[in-house]
Amino acid sequence: MGKTYARIDGRLRTFIEAQPMFFTATAPLADDGTINLSPKGLKGSFVVLDEQTIAYLDFAGSNAETIAHLRENGRITVMWCAFQGPPNIVRVHGRGEPVFRDDPRFGDLLGHFPGIDPTPHGLRAIIVVTAELIRDTCGYAVPFMSYDEDRDLHGKRFAREDDASLSAYFAKKEYIAQSIDGLPGLPLPLPPRTV
């Protein structure tokens, strides 16, 4: 039923790149820490960088749990489900890193996302994940659901913000600068963009 892969290529890569949404899961090291699971979407915001590395754009939101957990320990699982076509679930277990806007690598990484304009979405970081274990499973219990289109609400909401007002928005949120468990989250004020 399940298979382990050495790399992200061929049919596996085609499947991953075709999915309109994916999920990320992270956790702090503390036994009583809060596990985080986040849905991700927006066409063009995810890429396969090479056979062992994936990346996605981290946009404005009401918390920064993934960033906080990655800063503490780097552990992350990314998962895709087939909601259409043959049943399949793919998980990439690995090490992730938030690359912030003032990082010298930021501009080059951003160039890998030509299919989306990140400007209206309040881009905070690029999350880069190096795969340590790549597996698929059957997905027989995942329901059929149709993808119609991306919602335009995120872009409409955050297009109104410049860097200063976005930093002010984040400063007012309880779980942006630090996680639910008090770990360092998004550096505020937002670092200046390198591009």
Protein backbone atom coordinates (compact mmCIF):
# COMPACT_ATOMS: atom_id res chain seq x y z
CA MET A 1 0.00 0.00 0.00
CA GLY A 2 2.70 2.51 0.95
CA LYS A 3 6.03 3.13 -0.74
CA THR A 4 9.17 5.03 0.25
CA TYR A 5 10.93 7.16 -2.37
CA ALA A 6 14.53 8.31 -2.54
CA ARG A 7 13.69 11.52 -4.38
CA ILE A 8 10.90 13.78 -5.57
CA ASP A 9 10.76 13.15 -9.29
CA GLY A 10 8.68 11.59 -12.05
CA ARG A 11 5.12 10.63 -11.18
CA LEU A 12 5.57 11.71 -7.57
CA ARG A 13 6.65 15.22 -8.53
CA THR A 14 3.86 15.50 -11.11
CA PHE A 15 1.29 14.55 -8.47
CA ILE A 16 2.62 17.01 -5.89
CA GLU A 17 2.77 19.92 -8.32
CA ALA A 18 -0.78 19.27 -9.53
CA GLN A 19 -2.43 19.57 -6.11
CA PRO A 20 -4.16 22.90 -5.36
CA MET A 21 -3.57 22.61 -1.62
CA PHE A 22 -1.29 20.95 0.89
CA PHE A 23 -0.89 20.72 4.65
CA THR A 24 2.08 21.39 6.93
CA ALA A 25 2.55 19.93 10.40
CA THR A 26 5.09 21.06 13.00
CA ALA A 27 5.55 20.82 16.75
CA PRO A 28 7.77 22.30 19.44
CA LEU A 29 10.20 20.12 21.37
CA ALA A 30 8.31 20.43 24.67
CA ASP A 31 6.15 17.42 25.52
CA ASP A 32 3.22 19.67 26.35
CA GLY A 33 3.74 21.97 23.35
CA THR A 34 1.04 22.76 20.83
CA ILE A 35 1.16 20.76 17.59
CA ASN A 36 0.34 22.88 14.54
CA LEU A 37 -1.36 21.73 11.33
CA SER A 38 -1.95 24.28 8.59
CA PRO A 39 -3.68 24.12 5.19
CA LYS A 40 -1.85 25.95 2.40
CA GLY A 41 -3.05 27.03 -1.00
CA LEU A 42 -2.88 29.78 -3.64
CA LYS A 43 -1.75 28.60 -7.05
CA GLY A 44 1.94 29.20 -7.68
CA SER A 45 2.94 29.47 -4.00
CA PHE A 46 4.61 26.02 -3.86
CA VAL A 47 7.58 24.67 -5.85
CA VAL A 48 9.82 21.64 -6.06
CA LEU A 49 13.33 23.13 -6.07
CA ASP A 50 15.13 19.83 -6.72
CA GLU A 51 14.76 16.11 -6.02
CA GLN A 52 15.23 16.60 -2.27
CA THR A 53 14.02 20.17 -1.68
CA ILE A 54 10.62 21.87 -1.74
CA ALA A 55 9.61 25.41 -0.84
CA TYR A 56 6.50 27.50 -0.32
CA LEU A 57 5.67 31.14 0.27
CA ASP A 58 4.65 32.01 3.82
CA PHE A 59 2.02 34.74 3.63
CA ALA A 60 0.42 37.03 6.21
CA GLY A 61 -1.86 35.32 8.67
CA SER A 62 -3.04 35.38 12.26
CA ASN A 63 -0.21 33.29 13.70
CA ALA A 64 3.33 32.10 13.01
CA GLU A 65 3.40 28.65 14.61
CA THR A 66 5.19 26.98 11.70
CA ILE A 67 7.92 29.62 11.69
CA ALA A 68 8.36 29.37 15.47
CA HIS A 69 8.63 25.58 15.42
CA LEU A 70 11.06 25.60 12.50
CA ARG A 71 13.23 28.18 14.25
CA GLU A 72 13.33 25.97 17.33
CA ASN A 73 13.85 22.50 15.84
CA GLY A 74 13.35 22.43 12.05
CA ARG A 75 11.00 19.42 12.00
CA ILE A 76 8.17 19.53 9.46
CA THR A 77 5.89 17.21 7.53
CA VAL A 78 4.22 18.38 4.31
CA MET A 79 1.25 16.38 3.01
CA TRP A 80 -0.79 16.31 -0.20
CA CYS A 81 -4.07 14.40 -0.77
CA ALA A 82 -5.70 13.47 -4.05
CA PHE A 83 -9.21 14.87 -3.88
CA GLN A 84 -9.68 14.05 -7.57
CA GLY A 85 -8.41 11.18 -9.71
CA PRO A 86 -6.77 8.04 -8.32
CA PRO A 87 -6.46 7.95 -4.51
CA ASN A 88 -3.07 8.98 -3.16
CA ILE A 89 -1.48 10.67 -0.16
CA VAL A 90 2.12 11.88 -0.23
CA ARG A 91 4.11 13.01 2.79
CA VAL A 92 7.51 14.65 2.84
CA HIS A 93 9.08 14.47 6.30
CA GLY A 94 12.10 16.69 6.65
CA ARG A 95 13.88 19.74 7.96
CA GLY A 96 12.50 23.16 7.25
CA GLU A 97 13.87 26.66 7.50
CA PRO A 98 12.15 30.03 7.22
CA VAL A 99 14.14 32.26 4.89
CA PHE A 100 13.22 35.80 5.86
CA ARG A 101 13.00 38.80 3.56
CA ASP A 102 16.39 40.19 4.58
CA ASP A 103 18.22 36.90 3.95
CA PRO A 104 20.64 37.08 0.97
CA ARG A 105 19.02 33.92 -0.45
CA PHE A 106 15.53 35.43 -0.46
CA GLY A 107 15.67 37.03 -3.92
CA ASP A 108 17.00 33.93 -5.67
CA LEU A 109 14.43 31.74 -3.95
CA LEU A 110 11.60 34.11 -4.84
CA GLY A 111 12.59 33.74 -8.50
CA HIS A 112 11.37 30.12 -8.35
CA PHE A 113 7.75 31.32 -7.93
CA PRO A 114 6.92 32.97 -11.28
CA GLY A 115 3.30 31.79 -11.16
CA ILE A 116 2.18 34.13 -8.39
CA ASP A 117 2.53 37.79 -7.51
CA PRO A 118 3.32 37.70 -3.77
CA THR A 119 2.93 41.47 -3.37
CA PRO A 120 -0.75 41.53 -2.33
CA HIS A 121 -0.38 38.65 0.10
CA GLY A 122 1.97 40.11 2.73
CA LEU A 123 4.88 37.76 2.05
CA ARG A 124 6.68 37.09 5.35
CA ALA A 125 9.16 34.34 4.47
CA ILE A 126 9.92 31.46 2.14
CA ILE A 127 9.83 28.08 3.85
CA VAL A 128 12.45 25.70 2.44
CA VAL A 129 12.15 22.00 3.29
CA THR A 130 14.83 19.36 2.76
CA ALA A 131 13.30 15.91 2.52
CA GLU A 132 14.53 13.19 4.88
CA LEU A 133 11.73 10.67 4.24
CA ILE A 134 9.33 10.65 1.27
CA ARG A 135 6.33 8.29 1.38
CA ASP A 136 3.00 7.75 -0.24
CA THR A 137 -0.02 5.82 0.99
CA CYS A 138 -3.30 4.74 -0.58
CA GLY A 139 -5.69 7.56 0.31
CA TYR A 140 -8.69 5.27 -0.10
CA ALA A 141 -10.66 7.11 2.60
CA VAL A 142 -9.98 10.62 1.23
CA PRO A 143 -13.24 11.92 -0.30
CA PHE A 144 -13.68 13.23 -3.81
CA MET A 145 -13.90 17.01 -3.77
CA SER A 146 -13.73 19.48 -6.61
CA TYR A 147 -11.36 22.43 -6.88
CA ASP A 148 -13.12 25.42 -8.41
CA GLU A 149 -10.67 28.27 -7.95
CA ASP A 150 -8.53 30.05 -5.37
CA ARG A 151 -10.31 32.47 -3.07
CA ASP A 152 -9.38 36.08 -3.74
CA LEU A 153 -9.98 37.22 -0.14
CA HIS A 154 -6.38 36.88 1.08
CA GLY A 155 -5.01 39.11 -1.67
CA LYS A 156 -7.81 41.65 -1.23
CA ARG A 157 -7.22 41.83 2.53
CA PHE A 158 -3.43 42.18 2.54
CA ALA A 159 -3.01 44.23 -0.65
CA ARG A 160 -3.97 47.25 1.48
CA GLU A 161 -0.83 46.90 3.59
CA ASP A 162 2.68 48.23 3.08
CA ASP A 163 5.62 46.96 5.15
CA ALA A 164 4.99 49.42 8.00
CA SER A 165 1.26 48.75 8.30
CA LEU A 166 1.81 45.00 7.94
CA SER A 167 4.32 45.10 10.80
CA ALA A 168 1.79 47.05 12.87
CA TYR A 169 -0.89 44.46 12.05
CA PHE A 170 1.42 41.63 13.13
CA ALA A 171 2.41 43.47 16.33
CA LYS A 172 -1.26 43.53 17.38
CA LYS A 173 -1.70 39.79 16.90
CA GLU A 174 -1.07 37.60 19.91
CA TYR A 175 0.79 34.73 18.18
CA ILE A 176 2.99 36.30 15.50
CA ALA A 177 6.14 37.48 17.32
CA GLN A 178 5.96 34.39 19.49
CA SER A 179 4.14 31.08 19.29
CA ILE A 180 1.27 29.85 21.45
CA ASP A 181 3.93 28.20 23.62
CA GLY A 182 6.13 31.32 23.81
CA LEU A 183 8.76 30.41 21.19
CA PRO A 184 10.26 33.17 19.02
CA GLY A 185 8.11 33.56 15.90
CA LEU A 186 8.24 36.11 13.12
CA PRO A 187 10.93 38.79 13.64
CA LEU A 188 9.21 42.16 14.02
CA PRO A 189 9.22 44.72 12.64
CA LEU A 190 9.35 42.88 9.34
CA PRO A 191 12.88 42.78 7.93
CA PRO A 192 13.30 44.94 4.83
CA ARG A 193 13.08 43.14 1.51
CA THR A 194 16.33 42.34 -0.26
CA VAL A 195 14.55 42.56 -3.65
